[in-house]
Amino acid sequence: MKNKELDNLRSKINNIDDEILSLLSNRSKIVLEIGKHKKDNSVVDLDREQKILDRLSSKFTGSYPKDTIVRLWREIFQSSEKLQKLTKENIQSKRSIENINVYKGGKAKLNNNKRVIKLSSNENPYGASPKAIELLETKNINHDLHRYPEIDGSSLREAIAKNFSIDSNRIILGSGSDEVLLFAALAFCQDGDEILHANHGFEMYSIVSKVVGAVPKKIKEDVNFNLNIENLIDQTNDATKVIYIASPNNPTGTYLSRDQLVKLMNSISKNIIVVIDGAYVEYVQKDDYDKGFSLTDEYENIILTRTFSKTYGLAALRVGWCYTSQKIADIINKIKPPFNTTTISQSLAIKALEDKEHIENSVKLNSEIKDWFEKELKLLNIKTRQTEGNFTLIETSEEEAEKISNHLMNDGIIIRRLNSYNLPNFLRISIGTKEEMNLTVESLKKFNV
């Protein structure tokens, strides 16, 4: 290309830039006028940003990738908000986190002196491994409290690797698996990128997305809450950077088979990171479900997460981990904080891993009591959905769900309403001990009278 032709093209670019500046100037004047009408938060439509982005993305026909357009406009949104506040004294959060609903989880206690049966957080009702408890009781925990733990939890990682016959170098520890979920978004997402997850997936997926400035994109399930792989594949685009899939899913209890995951991995771009959240993996008893780690050898862009909070009964210690390819492990290790799991939590997690009998017994009892409990519910004409996990999902009307929850709470039994998942007509009940579930059934019998 001759210099004259190049200069000509650059001149056209300059003219376009001048037009853009003029349009931005006009836009800023309108933004200031709109700001005068925003006398309180009720005037602000926090969902408007996404509606605008969807409209612009559908109209744009140029060569710039979609994520670039989204990033440009989100910067304009942020600048517009600063203009409207007209002061440097306001403390202003990132725009992406303004409409986050704080995660509250299952209720833990009641405001009375009644005995509480907590069936709201899917914990192991049999507690931690006796071996872990013995270590806690016999070890002098005051010793070395002034010392930092192993910076990367190498002893625990080696114990995990030995237990599952995997590579310790590809294991990353987190303060609960929630932190590992955050690592994936922090490492691979920028403002304007999209993170995909099921419409009724774990609440933290949307929160994590907004924390890193990405846009959570919810994928609708079918009437049985099953995630349609073809639909998920169709929803990916240049802006998609991470996909979160809970298998089994909390709170719906659905799962993806190995064949479905293979189909997904073979159909999407290799630069999309797929995070399979396996918090409830030990409870699954389906033949087509893959509890192993071989997918990480077949696909470089997959992350499998695990937790010590559920089956292992160490929820209070906040220990989770993930297994992935060496390439992804190296990337995540760049952002993982040092010393993010404690000396005590690492030591007790190692003991919990050693106690296979406790894990097997917990899973066996969960299965037996869950089957019995759901049969009792059927006798009471209470409808349940099939779930893989340590919880039962009740389907009823929204009004009835509230009444059942309040009735059980009056009897000192705490369960989980699912309004925050946009499932107001569903209730999730964790499977407790036989005594706890028997008391729950007796309470429900009184409700049904």
Protein backbone atom coordinates (compact mmCIF):
# COMPACT_ATOMS: atom_id res chain seq x y z
CA MET A 1 0.00 0.00 0.00
CA LYS A 2 1.36 3.40 -1.00
CA ASN A 3 1.94 6.02 1.69
CA LYS A 4 -0.70 8.25 0.10
CA GLU A 5 -3.34 5.52 0.38
CA LEU A 6 -2.34 4.82 3.96
CA ASP A 7 -2.52 8.52 4.84
CA ASN A 8 -5.96 8.63 3.24
CA LEU A 9 -7.24 5.77 5.40
CA ARG A 10 -5.76 7.32 8.53
CA SER A 11 -7.45 10.59 7.69
CA LYS A 12 -10.78 8.76 7.52
CA ILE A 13 -10.06 7.22 10.92
CA ASN A 14 -9.33 10.68 12.32
CA ASN A 15 -12.65 11.99 10.98
CA ILE A 16 -14.50 9.06 12.55
CA ASP A 17 -12.71 9.66 15.87
CA ASP A 18 -13.78 13.32 15.74
CA GLU A 19 -17.39 12.21 15.17
CA ILE A 20 -17.17 9.80 18.10
CA LEU A 21 -15.84 12.58 20.36
CA SER A 22 -18.67 14.88 19.29
CA LEU A 23 -21.26 12.16 19.97
CA LEU A 24 -19.71 11.44 23.37
CA SER A 25 -19.89 15.14 24.21
CA ASN A 26 -23.59 15.21 23.32
CA ARG A 27 -24.15 12.00 25.29
CA SER A 28 -22.50 13.49 28.38
CA LYS A 29 -24.92 16.43 28.31
CA ILE A 30 -27.89 14.07 28.26
CA VAL A 31 -26.31 11.99 31.03
CA LEU A 32 -26.10 15.09 33.24
CA GLU A 33 -29.77 15.85 32.56
CA ILE A 34 -30.72 12.28 33.50
CA GLY A 35 -28.66 12.64 36.68
CA LYS A 36 -30.90 15.49 37.84
CA HIS A 37 -33.83 13.04 37.92
CA LYS A 38 -31.97 10.47 40.01
CA LYS A 39 -32.85 11.85 43.42
CA ASP A 40 -32.92 8.39 45.00
CA ASN A 41 -31.85 4.86 44.18
CA SER A 42 -35.35 3.87 43.09
CA VAL A 43 -34.83 5.85 39.88
CA VAL A 44 -31.73 3.84 38.96
CA ASP A 45 -32.37 0.76 36.82
CA LEU A 46 -29.43 -1.52 37.53
CA ASP A 47 -30.58 -3.98 34.86
CA ARG A 48 -30.65 -1.30 32.16
CA GLU A 49 -26.94 -1.73 31.46
CA GLN A 50 -27.38 -5.35 30.39
CA LYS A 51 -30.42 -4.47 28.28
CA ILE A 52 -28.36 -1.83 26.45
CA LEU A 53 -25.47 -4.24 25.94
CA ASP A 54 -27.80 -6.89 24.54
CA ARG A 55 -29.35 -4.38 22.15
CA LEU A 56 -26.01 -3.00 20.94
CA SER A 57 -24.48 -6.46 20.56
CA SER A 58 -27.36 -7.57 18.37
CA LYS A 59 -27.11 -4.43 16.19
CA PHE A 60 -23.32 -4.34 15.78
CA THR A 61 -22.12 -5.67 12.41
CA GLY A 62 -18.47 -4.61 12.44
CA SER A 63 -15.33 -6.70 12.79
CA TYR A 64 -14.50 -5.86 16.40
CA PRO A 65 -15.21 -8.84 18.70
CA LYS A 66 -18.27 -8.62 20.90
CA ASP A 67 -16.27 -8.47 24.14
CA THR A 68 -14.48 -5.33 22.88
CA ILE A 69 -17.81 -3.57 22.26
CA VAL A 70 -19.06 -4.61 25.69
CA ARG A 71 -15.91 -3.31 27.39
CA LEU A 72 -16.14 0.04 25.59
CA TRP A 73 -19.73 0.60 26.64
CA ARG A 74 -19.19 -0.52 30.21
CA GLU A 75 -16.46 2.13 30.49
CA ILE A 76 -18.97 4.67 29.17
CA PHE A 77 -21.52 3.51 31.78
CA GLN A 78 -18.96 3.87 34.57
CA SER A 79 -17.95 7.36 33.40
CA SER A 80 -21.61 8.38 33.11
CA GLU A 81 -22.25 7.38 36.69
CA LYS A 82 -19.27 9.46 37.87
CA LEU A 83 -20.63 12.45 35.97
CA GLN A 84 -24.03 12.15 37.60
CA LYS A 85 -22.61 12.07 41.13
CA LEU A 86 -20.74 15.35 40.50
CA THR A 87 -18.54 14.98 43.58
CA LYS A 88 -15.32 13.28 44.56
CA GLU A 89 -16.65 12.64 48.06
CA ASN A 90 -18.89 9.72 47.16
CA ILE A 91 -17.48 6.26 47.79
CA GLN A 92 -18.19 4.40 44.58
CA SER A 93 -17.97 0.66 44.08
CA LYS A 94 -17.27 -1.07 40.81
CA ARG A 95 -20.40 -0.79 38.72
CA SER A 96 -20.45 -4.56 38.17
CA ILE A 97 -21.03 -5.30 41.87
CA GLU A 98 -23.76 -2.73 42.51
CA ASN A 99 -26.61 -5.18 41.99
CA ILE A 100 -25.07 -8.14 43.81
CA ASN A 101 -27.41 -9.69 46.34
CA VAL A 102 -25.28 -10.70 49.32
CA TYR A 103 -25.07 -14.49 49.63
CA LYS A 104 -26.82 -15.52 52.84
CA GLY A 105 -26.85 -19.32 52.71
CA GLY A 106 -28.98 -21.52 54.92
CA LYS A 107 -30.25 -20.16 58.23
CA ALA A 108 -28.11 -21.42 61.11
CA LYS A 109 -30.02 -20.60 64.30
CA LEU A 110 -33.36 -19.51 65.72
CA ASN A 111 -34.14 -16.65 68.08
CA ASN A 112 -35.32 -18.89 70.90
CA ASN A 113 -34.02 -21.59 73.19
CA LYS A 114 -35.50 -24.52 71.29
CA ARG A 115 -33.36 -27.41 70.17
CA VAL A 116 -32.35 -26.69 66.60
CA ILE A 117 -32.24 -29.29 63.84
CA LYS A 118 -30.23 -27.62 61.07
CA LEU A 119 -31.21 -29.02 57.67
CA SER A 120 -30.44 -25.90 55.65
CA SER A 121 -26.80 -26.09 54.50
CA ASN A 122 -26.18 -29.65 53.22
CA GLU A 123 -23.58 -30.44 55.87
CA ASN A 124 -22.51 -33.92 56.96
CA PRO A 125 -24.71 -34.62 60.03
CA TYR A 126 -22.19 -37.17 61.32
CA GLY A 127 -19.46 -34.57 61.59
CA ALA A 128 -15.79 -34.91 60.79
CA SER A 129 -13.78 -38.09 60.72
CA PRO A 130 -12.98 -39.47 64.21
CA LYS A 131 -9.34 -39.48 63.09
CA ALA A 132 -9.49 -35.74 62.42
CA ILE A 133 -11.21 -35.08 65.74
CA GLU A 134 -8.64 -37.20 67.57
CA LEU A 135 -5.83 -35.18 66.02
CA LEU A 136 -7.53 -31.94 67.02
CA GLU A 137 -7.95 -33.14 70.60
CA THR A 138 -4.47 -34.60 71.05
CA LYS A 139 -2.30 -32.21 69.09
CA ASN A 140 -1.07 -29.15 70.94
CA ILE A 141 -2.73 -26.56 68.69
CA ASN A 142 -1.03 -23.74 70.58
CA HIS A 143 2.28 -24.98 69.24
CA ASP A 144 3.45 -23.08 66.16
CA LEU A 145 0.39 -20.80 66.04
CA HIS A 146 2.86 -17.97 65.53
CA ARG A 147 4.19 -19.67 62.39
CA TYR A 148 2.70 -19.41 58.91
CA PRO A 149 1.34 -22.62 57.38
CA GLU A 150 2.94 -24.27 54.36
CA ILE A 151 2.74 -21.60 51.69
CA ASP A 152 1.19 -23.89 49.08
CA GLY A 153 -0.15 -26.67 51.31
CA SER A 154 2.27 -29.17 49.80
CA SER A 155 1.62 -31.86 52.43
CA LEU A 156 -2.13 -31.76 51.85
CA ARG A 157 -1.70 -31.62 48.08
CA GLU A 158 0.53 -34.69 48.22
CA ALA A 159 -2.03 -36.50 50.40
CA ILE A 160 -4.80 -35.65 47.91
CA ALA A 161 -2.61 -36.78 45.01
CA LYS A 162 -1.87 -40.09 46.71
CA ASN A 163 -5.53 -40.67 47.60
CA PHE A 164 -6.80 -40.09 44.04
CA SER A 165 -3.68 -41.16 42.09
CA ILE A 166 -3.22 -37.74 40.50
CA ASP A 167 -0.39 -35.20 40.12
CA SER A 168 0.16 -32.95 43.17
CA ASN A 169 1.60 -30.20 40.94
CA ARG A 170 -1.78 -29.80 39.26
CA ILE A 171 -3.68 -29.40 42.54
CA ILE A 172 -4.54 -25.93 43.86
CA LEU A 173 -5.92 -25.40 47.36
CA GLY A 174 -8.51 -22.82 48.27
CA SER A 175 -10.27 -21.45 51.33
CA GLY A 176 -13.27 -23.59 50.50
CA SER A 177 -14.02 -24.44 46.88
CA ASP A 178 -15.66 -20.99 46.60
CA GLU A 179 -12.20 -19.44 46.47
CA VAL A 180 -11.17 -21.82 43.71
CA LEU A 181 -14.25 -20.75 41.72
CA LEU A 182 -13.10 -17.16 42.14
CA PHE A 183 -9.56 -18.03 41.00
CA ALA A 184 -10.89 -19.21 37.63
CA ALA A 185 -12.76 -15.97 36.98
CA LEU A 186 -9.90 -13.77 38.21
CA ALA A 187 -7.36 -15.54 36.02
CA PHE A 188 -9.31 -15.64 32.77
CA CYS A 189 -11.90 -12.82 32.73
CA GLN A 190 -11.81 -9.09 32.05
CA ASP A 191 -14.54 -6.45 32.17
CA GLY A 192 -17.16 -7.24 29.56
CA ASP A 193 -16.39 -10.94 29.25
CA GLU A 194 -19.21 -13.41 29.78
CA ILE A 195 -19.46 -16.25 32.29
CA LEU A 196 -22.09 -18.88 31.57
CA HIS A 197 -23.92 -20.96 34.16
CA ALA A 198 -27.27 -22.68 34.66
CA ASN A 199 -30.26 -20.47 35.43
CA HIS A 200 -30.70 -22.25 38.77
CA GLY A 201 -27.02 -22.91 39.39
CA PHE A 202 -25.14 -22.17 42.61
CA GLU A 203 -25.67 -18.52 43.63
CA MET A 204 -21.95 -17.81 43.90
CA TYR A 205 -21.45 -18.16 40.13
CA SER A 206 -23.26 -14.88 39.41
CA ILE A 207 -21.58 -13.17 42.36
CA VAL A 208 -18.11 -14.26 41.26
CA SER A 209 -18.85 -13.09 37.72
CA LYS A 210 -19.78 -9.60 38.87
CA VAL A 211 -16.84 -9.37 41.28
CA VAL A 212 -14.38 -9.71 38.39
CA GLY A 213 -16.40 -7.37 36.15
CA ALA A 214 -17.72 -10.10 33.87
CA VAL A 215 -21.33 -10.51 32.81
CA PRO A 216 -23.15 -13.59 34.18
CA LYS A 217 -25.20 -15.23 31.46
CA LYS A 218 -27.79 -17.71 32.71
CA ILE A 219 -28.63 -20.74 30.60
CA LYS A 220 -32.19 -22.01 30.91
CA GLU A 221 -32.74 -25.63 31.92
CA ASP A 222 -35.65 -27.86 30.89
CA VAL A 223 -38.71 -28.44 33.10
CA ASN A 224 -36.76 -31.05 35.08
CA PHE A 225 -33.86 -28.61 35.62
CA ASN A 226 -31.59 -30.57 33.29
CA LEU A 227 -29.02 -28.44 31.48
CA ASN A 228 -29.33 -28.76 27.71
CA ILE A 229 -25.81 -29.15 26.31
CA GLU A 230 -26.78 -28.05 22.79
CA ASN A 231 -28.32 -24.86 24.18
CA LEU A 232 -25.23 -24.21 26.29
CA ILE A 233 -22.97 -24.66 23.27
CA ASP A 234 -25.15 -22.31 21.18
CA GLN A 235 -24.88 -19.59 23.84
CA THR A 236 -21.08 -19.43 23.71
CA ASN A 237 -19.40 -16.68 21.67
CA ASP A 238 -16.18 -14.64 21.49
CA ALA A 239 -17.01 -13.02 24.84
CA THR A 240 -17.42 -16.35 26.68
CA LYS A 241 -14.40 -16.99 28.88
CA VAL A 242 -15.65 -19.29 31.68
CA ILE A 243 -18.47 -21.81 32.09
CA TYR A 244 -19.48 -22.93 35.59
CA ILE A 245 -21.29 -26.25 35.86
CA ALA A 246 -22.26 -27.78 39.20
CA SER A 247 -22.57 -31.53 38.81
CA PRO A 248 -24.54 -32.43 40.79
CA ASN A 249 -26.18 -29.03 40.92
CA ASN A 250 -27.20 -27.25 44.08
CA PRO A 251 -30.14 -26.82 44.64
CA THR A 252 -31.78 -28.82 41.84
CA GLY A 253 -29.76 -32.03 42.26
CA THR A 254 -29.30 -32.62 38.52
CA TYR A 255 -26.02 -33.76 36.99
CA LEU A 256 -24.21 -34.16 33.67
CA SER A 257 -22.96 -37.52 32.47
CA ARG A 258 -19.42 -38.01 31.23
CA ASP A 259 -20.71 -38.30 27.66
CA GLN A 260 -22.46 -34.93 27.98
CA LEU A 261 -19.30 -33.28 29.28
CA VAL A 262 -17.23 -34.79 26.47
CA LYS A 263 -19.74 -33.47 23.93
CA LEU A 264 -19.50 -30.01 25.48
CA MET A 265 -15.70 -29.98 25.54
CA ASN A 266 -15.49 -31.16 21.92
CA SER A 267 -17.93 -28.47 20.75
CA ILE A 268 -16.67 -25.26 22.33
CA SER A 269 -13.61 -23.10 21.78
CA LYS A 270 -10.46 -24.38 23.46
CA ASN A 271 -9.92 -20.99 25.14
CA ILE A 272 -13.14 -21.26 27.18
CA ILE A 273 -12.41 -22.50 30.70
CA VAL A 274 -14.97 -25.06 31.92
CA VAL A 275 -15.23 -25.38 35.71
CA ILE A 276 -16.99 -28.53 36.93
CA ASP A 277 -18.04 -27.94 40.53
CA GLY A 278 -18.02 -31.33 42.27
CA ALA A 279 -18.98 -30.33 45.81
CA TYR A 280 -21.43 -33.24 46.05
CA VAL A 281 -19.55 -35.76 43.90
CA GLU A 282 -19.27 -38.44 46.61
CA TYR A 283 -23.06 -38.72 46.90
CA VAL A 284 -23.73 -39.53 43.23
CA GLN A 285 -24.63 -43.16 42.52
CA LYS A 286 -25.33 -43.04 38.78
CA ASP A 287 -23.33 -45.32 36.47
CA ASP A 288 -22.91 -42.65 33.77
CA TYR A 289 -21.42 -40.13 36.22
CA ASP A 290 -17.65 -39.69 36.20
CA LYS A 291 -16.12 -39.18 39.66
CA GLY A 292 -12.57 -39.38 38.34
CA PHE A 293 -10.13 -36.85 36.93
CA SER A 294 -9.32 -38.24 33.47
CA LEU A 295 -11.06 -35.34 31.70
CA THR A 296 -8.20 -33.07 32.78
CA ASP A 297 -5.80 -35.25 30.78
CA GLU A 298 -8.01 -35.11 27.69
CA TYR A 299 -8.84 -31.39 27.82
CA GLU A 300 -6.42 -28.65 28.85
CA ASN A 301 -9.21 -26.13 29.51
CA ILE A 302 -11.14 -27.95 32.24
CA ILE A 303 -11.03 -27.44 36.02
CA LEU A 304 -12.53 -29.97 38.45
CA THR A 305 -13.28 -28.64 41.94
CA ARG A 306 -13.73 -30.54 45.20
CA THR A 307 -14.44 -29.60 48.81
CA PHE A 308 -13.86 -30.89 52.32
CA SER A 309 -17.03 -29.11 53.50
CA LYS A 310 -19.65 -31.71 52.56
CA THR A 311 -18.91 -35.43 52.81
CA TYR A 312 -15.69 -34.90 54.76
CA GLY A 313 -17.50 -32.86 57.42
CA LEU A 314 -14.96 -30.03 57.66
CA ALA A 315 -17.17 -27.10 56.63
CA ALA A 316 -15.92 -24.92 59.50
CA LEU A 317 -12.31 -25.21 58.31
CA ARG A 318 -12.91 -23.90 54.75
CA VAL A 319 -10.78 -26.21 52.65
CA GLY A 320 -11.39 -26.80 48.95
CA TRP A 321 -9.23 -27.68 45.98
CA CYS A 322 -9.21 -28.15 42.25
CA TYR A 323 -7.45 -30.35 39.73
CA THR A 324 -6.63 -29.11 36.26
CA SER A 325 -4.04 -29.13 33.49
CA GLN A 326 -0.50 -28.02 34.29
CA LYS A 327 -0.95 -24.98 32.06
CA ILE A 328 -4.00 -23.72 33.96
CA ALA A 329 -2.45 -24.62 37.33
CA ASP A 330 0.58 -22.48 36.49
CA ILE A 331 -1.68 -19.54 35.58
CA ILE A 332 -3.85 -19.77 38.70
CA ASN A 333 -0.82 -20.10 40.97
CA LYS A 334 0.18 -16.59 39.85
CA ILE A 335 -2.91 -15.13 41.55
CA LYS A 336 -3.46 -17.56 44.43
CA PRO A 337 -2.72 -15.83 47.74
CA PRO A 338 0.04 -17.40 49.83
CA PHE A 339 -0.97 -19.25 53.02
CA ASN A 340 -4.65 -19.39 51.98
CA THR A 341 -5.32 -22.53 54.04
CA THR A 342 -4.31 -22.84 57.69
CA THR A 343 -1.96 -25.30 59.35
CA ILE A 344 -4.84 -26.78 61.36
CA SER A 345 -7.16 -27.12 58.36
CA GLN A 346 -4.44 -28.76 56.27
CA SER A 347 -3.61 -31.26 59.04
CA LEU A 348 -7.24 -32.21 59.70
CA ALA A 349 -8.00 -32.52 55.98
CA ILE A 350 -5.14 -35.01 55.63
CA LYS A 351 -6.63 -37.11 58.45
CA ALA A 352 -10.10 -36.88 56.89
CA LEU A 353 -8.71 -38.22 53.61
CA GLU A 354 -7.24 -41.22 55.41
CA ASP A 355 -10.58 -42.22 56.95
CA LYS A 356 -12.27 -43.88 53.98
CA GLU A 357 -14.58 -45.82 56.30
CA HIS A 358 -16.11 -42.58 57.61
CA ILE A 359 -16.75 -41.32 54.07
CA GLU A 360 -18.29 -44.61 52.92
CA ASN A 361 -20.48 -44.79 56.02
CA SER A 362 -21.64 -41.17 55.61
CA VAL A 363 -22.60 -41.77 51.97
CA LYS A 364 -24.34 -45.07 52.78
CA LEU A 365 -26.39 -43.59 55.62
CA ASN A 366 -27.30 -40.57 53.50
CA SER A 367 -28.63 -42.82 50.74
CA GLU A 368 -30.63 -45.05 53.08
CA ILE A 369 -32.16 -42.23 55.12
CA LYS A 370 -32.88 -40.12 52.03
CA ASP A 371 -34.79 -43.02 50.41
CA TRP A 372 -36.77 -43.58 53.62
CA PHE A 373 -37.48 -39.86 54.08
CA GLU A 374 -38.75 -39.36 50.53
CA LYS A 375 -41.05 -42.39 50.87
CA GLU A 376 -42.47 -40.84 54.04
CA LEU A 377 -43.01 -37.56 52.20
CA LYS A 378 -44.86 -39.41 49.46
CA LEU A 379 -47.21 -40.90 52.06
CA LEU A 380 -47.92 -37.32 53.15
CA ASN A 381 -48.67 -36.34 49.52
CA ILE A 382 -45.61 -34.08 49.45
CA LYS A 383 -44.02 -34.07 46.00
CA THR A 384 -40.25 -34.36 45.62
CA ARG A 385 -37.86 -34.09 42.67
CA GLN A 386 -35.14 -36.66 42.07
CA THR A 387 -31.80 -35.32 43.27
CA GLU A 388 -28.21 -36.49 43.40
CA GLY A 389 -26.76 -35.14 46.62
CA ASN A 390 -27.36 -35.07 50.35
CA PHE A 391 -30.62 -33.16 50.13
CA THR A 392 -34.26 -33.55 49.12
CA LEU A 393 -36.04 -31.05 46.86
CA ILE A 394 -39.72 -30.50 47.63
CA GLU A 395 -42.04 -29.00 45.02
CA THR A 396 -45.25 -27.30 46.10
CA SER A 397 -46.94 -23.91 45.77
CA GLU A 398 -45.22 -20.71 46.89
CA GLU A 399 -47.80 -20.20 49.63
CA GLU A 400 -47.47 -23.79 50.84
CA ALA A 401 -43.66 -23.60 50.77
CA GLU A 402 -43.74 -20.63 53.13
CA LYS A 403 -46.21 -22.36 55.45
CA ILE A 404 -44.17 -25.58 55.60
CA SER A 405 -40.96 -23.67 56.26
CA ASN A 406 -42.54 -21.61 59.05
CA HIS A 407 -44.20 -24.68 60.59
CA LEU A 408 -40.93 -26.60 60.72
CA MET A 409 -39.12 -23.56 62.07
CA ASN A 410 -41.64 -23.33 64.91
CA ASP A 411 -40.67 -26.91 65.74
CA GLY A 412 -36.99 -25.97 65.72
CA ILE A 413 -36.26 -27.45 62.28
CA ILE A 414 -34.45 -25.15 59.84
CA ILE A 415 -34.70 -25.89 56.11
CA ARG A 416 -33.86 -23.79 53.04
CA ARG A 417 -36.33 -21.63 51.16
CA LEU A 418 -35.17 -21.14 47.57
CA ASN A 419 -36.51 -17.67 46.80
CA SER A 420 -32.99 -16.42 46.08
CA TYR A 421 -32.80 -19.01 43.29
CA ASN A 422 -36.12 -17.80 41.86
CA LEU A 423 -37.67 -21.07 43.02
CA PRO A 424 -40.19 -19.78 45.59
CA ASN A 425 -42.35 -22.91 45.30
CA PHE A 426 -39.48 -25.26 46.19
CA LEU A 427 -37.88 -26.24 49.49
CA ARG A 428 -34.49 -27.87 50.00
CA ILE A 429 -34.10 -30.15 53.01
CA SER A 430 -30.66 -31.48 53.89
CA ILE A 431 -30.56 -35.13 54.93
CA GLY A 432 -29.69 -35.34 58.61
CA THR A 433 -29.46 -38.28 60.97
CA LYS A 434 -32.30 -40.80 61.19
CA GLU A 435 -33.44 -39.17 64.44
CA GLU A 436 -33.45 -35.70 62.87
CA MET A 437 -35.35 -36.84 59.79
CA ASN A 438 -37.84 -38.79 61.90
CA LEU A 439 -38.57 -35.64 63.92
CA THR A 440 -38.98 -33.76 60.63
CA VAL A 441 -41.50 -36.32 59.38
CA GLU A 442 -43.44 -36.16 62.65
CA SER A 443 -43.57 -32.38 62.39
CA LEU A 444 -44.83 -32.59 58.80
CA LYS A 445 -47.51 -35.06 59.88
CA LYS A 446 -48.81 -32.42 62.30
CA PHE A 447 -48.76 -29.88 59.46
CA ASN A 448 -50.82 -32.20 57.27
CA VAL A 449 -53.55 -32.76 59.88
